[in-house]
Amino acid sequence: MNSKEIAKLAIQALEDKKAEEIKTIDISEVSVIADYFIIANGTNHSQIQALSDHVEETLERAGVSLRQIEGYQNANWVLLDFHDVIVHIFDKENRLFYDLERIWRDGRLMDHNAFYS
């Protein structure tokens, strides 16, 4: 499974659980750490943990192993590292504070329709 397919599954999992403001940044041309950053937010700590669990379970069923997870207990910013795809799930306050979209603006913001072509 390539990184685009992994990103598509992660996006679908986030959508399934009603994540807000899902954005995907293609960072493959500007970084070696991953191909895609997927950024989303939840409305509260329980939803953020549920989003994290659902993404992990969905990708695991597809045979994609989670390399690392950070921030799950606090659920202010959960990072799920699937090697070439990194999923960031924030609460609203921390998403605004860390503003990954601005930090990674050299990457290419993806239209989610591109994952279905």
C-alpha atoms as a PDB file:
ATOM      1  CA  MET A   1       0.000   0.000   0.000  1.00  0.00           C
ATOM      2  CA  ASN A   2       1.491   3.342  -1.005  1.00  0.00           C
ATOM      3  CA  SER A   3       1.390   6.555   1.003  1.00  0.00           C
ATOM      4  CA  LYS A   4      -1.454   8.043  -1.054  1.00  0.00           C
ATOM      5  CA  GLU A   5      -3.645   5.009  -0.317  1.00  0.00           C
ATOM      6  CA  ILE A   6      -2.738   5.174   3.375  1.00  0.00           C
ATOM      7  CA  ALA A   7      -3.610   8.876   3.474  1.00  0.00           C
ATOM      8  CA  LYS A   8      -6.947   8.195   1.784  1.00  0.00           C
ATOM      9  CA  LEU A   9      -7.848   5.569   4.406  1.00  0.00           C
ATOM     10  CA  ALA A  10      -6.838   7.886   7.239  1.00  0.00           C
ATOM     11  CA  ILE A  11      -8.940  10.721   5.796  1.00  0.00           C
ATOM     12  CA  GLN A  12     -11.930   8.408   5.448  1.00  0.00           C
ATOM     13  CA  ALA A  13     -11.513   7.235   9.058  1.00  0.00           C
ATOM     14  CA  LEU A  14     -11.431  10.841  10.265  1.00  0.00           C
ATOM     15  CA  GLU A  15     -14.520  11.667   8.223  1.00  0.00           C
ATOM     16  CA  ASP A  16     -16.323   8.604   9.635  1.00  0.00           C
ATOM     17  CA  LYS A  17     -15.962   9.981  13.154  1.00  0.00           C
ATOM     18  CA  LYS A  18     -16.826  13.581  12.203  1.00  0.00           C
ATOM     19  CA  ALA A  19     -13.395  15.182  12.510  1.00  0.00           C
ATOM     20  CA  GLU A  20     -13.423  18.890  11.778  1.00  0.00           C
ATOM     21  CA  GLU A  21     -11.361  20.858   9.241  1.00  0.00           C
ATOM     22  CA  ILE A  22      -9.438  17.934   7.763  1.00  0.00           C
ATOM     23  CA  LYS A  23      -6.463  19.199   5.757  1.00  0.00           C
ATOM     24  CA  THR A  24      -3.805  17.213   3.971  1.00  0.00           C
ATOM     25  CA  ILE A  25      -0.410  18.618   3.092  1.00  0.00           C
ATOM     26  CA  ASP A  26       1.890  16.856   0.641  1.00  0.00           C
ATOM     27  CA  ILE A  27       5.324  17.401   2.173  1.00  0.00           C
ATOM     28  CA  SER A  28       7.172  14.868  -0.005  1.00  0.00           C
ATOM     29  CA  GLU A  29       9.023  17.599  -1.913  1.00  0.00           C
ATOM     30  CA  VAL A  30      10.080  19.572   1.176  1.00  0.00           C
ATOM     31  CA  SER A  31      10.840  16.929   3.807  1.00  0.00           C
ATOM     32  CA  VAL A  32      12.175  13.413   4.192  1.00  0.00           C
ATOM     33  CA  ILE A  33      10.154  12.636   7.330  1.00  0.00           C
ATOM     34  CA  ALA A  34       6.929  11.758   5.490  1.00  0.00           C
ATOM     35  CA  ASP A  35       4.941  12.191   2.296  1.00  0.00           C
ATOM     36  CA  TYR A  36       1.749  13.521   3.882  1.00  0.00           C
ATOM     37  CA  PHE A  37       0.648  15.365   6.975  1.00  0.00           C
ATOM     38  CA  ILE A  38      -3.042  15.016   7.732  1.00  0.00           C
ATOM     39  CA  ILE A  39      -4.326  17.617  10.175  1.00  0.00           C
ATOM     40  CA  ALA A  40      -7.742  17.587  11.812  1.00  0.00           C
ATOM     41  CA  ASN A  41      -9.405  18.604  15.014  1.00  0.00           C
ATOM     42  CA  GLY A  42     -11.980  17.226  17.350  1.00  0.00           C
ATOM     43  CA  THR A  43     -14.434  18.975  19.605  1.00  0.00           C
ATOM     44  CA  ASN A  44     -13.283  17.460  22.911  1.00  0.00           C
ATOM     45  CA  HIS A  45     -10.778  15.041  24.416  1.00  0.00           C
ATOM     46  CA  SER A  46     -13.050  12.010  24.084  1.00  0.00           C
ATOM     47  CA  GLN A  47     -13.668  12.654  20.405  1.00  0.00           C
ATOM     48  CA  ILE A  48      -9.957  13.226  19.774  1.00  0.00           C
ATOM     49  CA  GLN A  49      -9.179   9.849  21.359  1.00  0.00           C
ATOM     50  CA  ALA A  50     -12.020   8.206  19.387  1.00  0.00           C
ATOM     51  CA  LEU A  51     -10.662   9.726  16.163  1.00  0.00           C
ATOM     52  CA  SER A  52      -7.175   8.442  17.004  1.00  0.00           C
ATOM     53  CA  ASP A  53      -8.480   4.969  17.820  1.00  0.00           C
ATOM     54  CA  HIS A  54     -10.524   4.786  14.619  1.00  0.00           C
ATOM     55  CA  VAL A  55      -7.645   5.890  12.383  1.00  0.00           C
ATOM     56  CA  GLU A  56      -5.316   3.383  14.042  1.00  0.00           C
ATOM     57  CA  GLU A  57      -7.838   0.519  13.795  1.00  0.00           C
ATOM     58  CA  THR A  58      -8.745   1.319  10.175  1.00  0.00           C
ATOM     59  CA  LEU A  59      -5.139   1.388   9.033  1.00  0.00           C
ATOM     60  CA  GLU A  60      -4.215  -1.658  11.103  1.00  0.00           C
ATOM     61  CA  ARG A  61      -6.999  -3.655   9.382  1.00  0.00           C
ATOM     62  CA  ALA A  62      -5.464  -2.594   6.065  1.00  0.00           C
ATOM     63  CA  GLY A  63      -2.088  -3.922   7.170  1.00  0.00           C
ATOM     64  CA  VAL A  64      -0.489  -0.565   7.963  1.00  0.00           C
ATOM     65  CA  SER A  65       1.415  -0.555  11.232  1.00  0.00           C
ATOM     66  CA  LEU A  66       1.538   2.392  13.593  1.00  0.00           C
ATOM     67  CA  ARG A  67       5.148   3.336  14.228  1.00  0.00           C
ATOM     68  CA  GLN A  68       4.486   5.731  17.100  1.00  0.00           C
ATOM     69  CA  ILE A  69       1.714   7.583  18.893  1.00  0.00           C
ATOM     70  CA  GLU A  70       2.200  10.694  21.017  1.00  0.00           C
ATOM     71  CA  GLY A  71      -0.169  12.746  23.150  1.00  0.00           C
ATOM     72  CA  TYR A  72      -3.008  10.238  23.449  1.00  0.00           C
ATOM     73  CA  GLN A  73      -3.507  10.566  27.210  1.00  0.00           C
ATOM     74  CA  ASN A  74      -3.803  14.358  27.220  1.00  0.00           C
ATOM     75  CA  ALA A  75      -5.620  14.427  23.871  1.00  0.00           C
ATOM     76  CA  ASN A  76      -4.724  18.052  23.141  1.00  0.00           C
ATOM     77  CA  TRP A  77      -2.596  17.041  20.159  1.00  0.00           C
ATOM     78  CA  VAL A  78      -2.344  13.403  19.171  1.00  0.00           C
ATOM     79  CA  LEU A  79       0.289  12.443  16.624  1.00  0.00           C
ATOM     80  CA  LEU A  80      -0.060   9.119  14.810  1.00  0.00           C
ATOM     81  CA  ASP A  81       3.035   8.163  12.813  1.00  0.00           C
ATOM     82  CA  PHE A  82       2.405   5.675  10.009  1.00  0.00           C
ATOM     83  CA  HIS A  83       5.877   6.122   8.455  1.00  0.00           C
ATOM     84  CA  ASP A  84       5.062   8.100   5.269  1.00  0.00           C
ATOM     85  CA  VAL A  85       1.774   9.469   6.608  1.00  0.00           C
ATOM     86  CA  ILE A  86       1.576  11.413   9.846  1.00  0.00           C
ATOM     87  CA  VAL A  87      -1.835  12.222  11.298  1.00  0.00           C
ATOM     88  CA  HIS A  88      -2.196  15.163  13.683  1.00  0.00           C
ATOM     89  CA  ILE A  89      -5.440  15.448  15.657  1.00  0.00           C
ATOM     90  CA  PHE A  90      -5.808  18.589  17.735  1.00  0.00           C
ATOM     91  CA  ASP A  91      -8.252  20.308  19.981  1.00  0.00           C
ATOM     92  CA  LYS A  92      -9.209  23.674  18.475  1.00  0.00           C
ATOM     93  CA  GLU A  93      -7.041  25.770  20.788  1.00  0.00           C
ATOM     94  CA  ASN A  94      -3.838  23.818  20.145  1.00  0.00           C
ATOM     95  CA  ARG A  95      -4.464  23.644  16.408  1.00  0.00           C
ATOM     96  CA  LEU A  96      -4.617  27.433  16.275  1.00  0.00           C
ATOM     97  CA  PHE A  97      -1.573  27.764  18.530  1.00  0.00           C
ATOM     98  CA  TYR A  98       0.713  25.363  16.641  1.00  0.00           C
ATOM     99  CA  ASP A  99      -0.657  26.287  13.186  1.00  0.00           C
ATOM    100  CA  LEU A 100       1.011  23.441  11.277  1.00  0.00           C
ATOM    101  CA  GLU A 101      -0.580  24.628   8.051  1.00  0.00           C
ATOM    102  CA  ARG A 102       1.496  27.821   8.287  1.00  0.00           C
ATOM    103  CA  ILE A 103       4.674  26.037   9.386  1.00  0.00           C
ATOM    104  CA  TRP A 104       4.412  23.577   6.478  1.00  0.00           C
ATOM    105  CA  ARG A 105       3.182  26.076   3.886  1.00  0.00           C
ATOM    106  CA  ASP A 106       6.048  25.054   1.593  1.00  0.00           C
ATOM    107  CA  GLY A 107       4.211  21.756   1.185  1.00  0.00           C
ATOM    108  CA  ARG A 108       1.268  21.422  -1.189  1.00  0.00           C
ATOM    109  CA  LEU A 109      -2.221  21.608   0.314  1.00  0.00           C
ATOM    110  CA  MET A 110      -4.155  18.739  -1.222  1.00  0.00           C
ATOM    111  CA  ASP A 111      -7.738  18.701  -2.429  1.00  0.00           C
ATOM    112  CA  HIS A 112      -9.222  15.526  -0.951  1.00  0.00           C
ATOM    113  CA  ASN A 113     -10.766  14.724  -4.325  1.00  0.00           C
ATOM    114  CA  ALA A 114      -7.210  14.050  -5.540  1.00  0.00           C
ATOM    115  CA  PHE A 115      -7.193  10.916  -3.380  1.00  0.00           C
ATOM    116  CA  TYR A 116     -10.138   9.495  -5.303  1.00  0.00           C
ATOM    117  CA  SER A 117      -8.684   9.840  -8.797  1.00  0.00           C
END
